[in-house]
Protein backbone atom coordinates (compact mmCIF):
# COMPACT_ATOMS: atom_id res chain seq x y z
CA MET A 1 -3.25 -13.54 -34.74
CA ASP A 2 -4.44 -9.98 -34.15
CA LYS A 3 -1.18 -7.99 -34.22
CA ASN A 4 -2.60 -5.06 -32.23
CA LEU A 5 -3.89 -7.33 -29.46
CA ALA A 6 -0.66 -9.33 -29.47
CA GLY A 7 1.28 -6.07 -29.14
CA ARG A 8 -0.84 -5.05 -26.13
CA ILE A 9 -0.26 -8.47 -24.56
CA TYR A 10 3.51 -8.25 -25.06
CA ARG A 11 3.56 -4.71 -23.67
CA ALA A 12 1.58 -5.75 -20.57
CA VAL A 13 4.04 -8.60 -19.95
CA GLN A 14 6.96 -6.20 -20.31
CA LEU A 15 5.51 -4.18 -17.42
CA ILE A 16 5.49 -7.08 -14.92
CA PRO A 17 7.98 -5.98 -12.26
CA LEU A 18 11.11 -8.04 -11.67
CA GLY A 19 10.44 -10.49 -8.84
CA LYS A 20 6.71 -10.67 -9.57
CA VAL A 21 4.41 -12.81 -11.70
CA ALA A 22 1.04 -12.17 -13.31
CA THR A 23 -1.65 -14.58 -14.39
CA TYR A 24 -2.91 -15.14 -17.92
CA SER A 25 -6.22 -13.56 -16.86
CA GLN A 26 -4.50 -10.46 -15.49
CA ILE A 27 -2.54 -9.99 -18.71
CA ALA A 28 -5.73 -10.51 -20.75
CA ALA A 29 -7.48 -7.84 -18.65
CA LEU A 30 -4.57 -5.43 -19.09
CA ALA A 31 -4.68 -6.06 -22.85
CA GLY A 32 -8.38 -5.22 -22.92
CA ASN A 33 -10.37 -8.45 -22.55
CA CYS A 34 -10.19 -10.60 -19.41
CA ASN A 35 -11.81 -13.52 -21.26
CA LEU A 36 -8.84 -14.03 -23.58
CA ARG A 37 -6.51 -15.87 -21.17
CA ARG A 38 -6.05 -18.79 -23.58
CA TYR A 39 -5.25 -16.34 -26.37
CA VAL A 40 -2.62 -14.76 -24.10
CA GLY A 41 -1.00 -18.19 -23.74
CA ASN A 42 -0.99 -18.68 -27.51
CA VAL A 43 0.55 -15.26 -28.10
CA LEU A 44 3.23 -15.82 -25.47
CA HIS A 45 4.09 -19.19 -27.02
CA GLU A 46 5.04 -17.21 -30.15
CA ASN A 47 7.08 -14.63 -28.19
CA PRO A 48 10.03 -13.67 -30.42
CA SER A 49 12.30 -12.61 -27.53
CA ASN A 50 12.10 -13.54 -23.86
CA ALA A 51 14.85 -10.97 -23.23
CA ILE A 52 12.44 -8.21 -24.37
CA THR A 53 9.14 -9.75 -23.25
CA PRO A 54 9.69 -11.85 -20.11
CA CYS A 55 6.86 -14.30 -20.68
CA HIS A 56 8.31 -16.58 -18.01
CA ARG A 57 6.67 -14.18 -15.51
CA VAL A 58 3.19 -15.30 -16.58
CA VAL A 59 1.73 -18.30 -14.72
CA ASN A 60 -1.71 -19.79 -14.30
CA ALA A 61 -4.11 -18.63 -11.58
CA LYS A 62 -2.79 -21.24 -9.14
CA GLY A 63 0.83 -20.25 -9.76
CA PHE A 64 1.85 -23.20 -11.91
CA CYS A 65 4.28 -22.78 -14.78
CA SER A 66 3.25 -23.44 -18.35
CA GLY A 67 3.48 -27.05 -19.45
CA SER A 68 4.74 -25.81 -22.81
CA PHE A 69 6.91 -22.82 -21.90
CA ALA A 70 8.20 -21.55 -25.23
CA PHE A 71 11.84 -21.47 -24.15
CA GLY A 72 12.39 -24.97 -22.83
CA GLY A 73 9.49 -26.23 -20.72
CA PRO A 74 8.18 -25.67 -17.20
CA LEU A 75 11.49 -26.43 -15.46
CA VAL A 76 13.25 -23.71 -17.44
CA GLN A 77 10.43 -21.30 -16.59
CA GLN A 78 10.73 -22.19 -12.91
CA GLU A 79 14.52 -21.73 -13.01
CA LYS A 80 14.12 -18.28 -14.59
CA LEU A 81 11.61 -17.26 -11.92
CA GLU A 82 13.75 -18.60 -9.08
CA ALA A 83 16.73 -16.67 -10.48
CA GLU A 84 14.58 -13.53 -10.05
CA GLY A 85 13.91 -14.39 -6.40
CA ILE A 86 10.48 -15.97 -6.81
CA ALA A 87 9.88 -18.86 -4.41
CA PHE A 88 7.97 -22.03 -5.19
CA THR A 89 5.97 -24.15 -2.76
CA ASN A 90 4.91 -27.66 -3.79
CA GLY A 91 5.72 -26.94 -7.44
CA HIS A 92 3.99 -23.59 -7.82
CA VAL A 93 4.65 -19.92 -7.19
CA ASP A 94 3.66 -18.56 -3.79
CA MET A 95 0.99 -16.28 -5.30
CA GLU A 96 0.32 -14.36 -2.08
CA ARG A 97 3.92 -13.18 -2.02
CA PHE A 98 4.82 -12.91 -5.69
CA CYS A 99 1.72 -12.18 -7.78
CA ILE A 100 1.35 -8.57 -8.84
CA SER A 101 -0.65 -6.56 -6.34
CA GLY A 102 -3.74 -4.48 -7.03
CA ASP A 103 -1.48 -1.42 -6.95
CA ASP A 104 0.90 -3.04 -9.47
CA PHE A 105 -2.06 -3.88 -11.72
CA GLU A 106 -3.39 -0.32 -11.55
CA SER A 107 0.03 1.16 -12.26
CA MET A 108 0.51 -1.16 -15.24
CA SER A 109 -2.98 -0.35 -16.48
CA MET A 110 -2.34 3.39 -16.25
CA GLU A 111 0.95 3.07 -18.14
CA LEU A 112 -0.75 1.09 -20.89
CA ARG A 113 -3.55 3.70 -21.13
CA ASP A 114 -1.00 6.51 -21.33
CA GLU A 115 0.71 4.78 -24.25
CA ARG A 116 -2.45 4.66 -26.38
């Protein structure tokens, strides 16, 4: 695992606002390569602390939770998201309401650039 890339992934996830989710592709793009969405999933599976890096806020492009959420499975991930006010419809996040916006993405991107 590339520690620098993993660090950028964890930092991007830390910037997801409370009450929002981001997709694996969005986190990959924020970390520097939008084609690494599977790598993002692998890195998040190794997340040492969900309290520091809220990987439960990362879902797939259709809003479904991870089948192998690192801290107890998809139901635990859904419970964590619902506790943050995120609503589910037919088993997935309402992405129109709860996915980070273009403005959120730009703000996160700028913060990550400023940290380099």
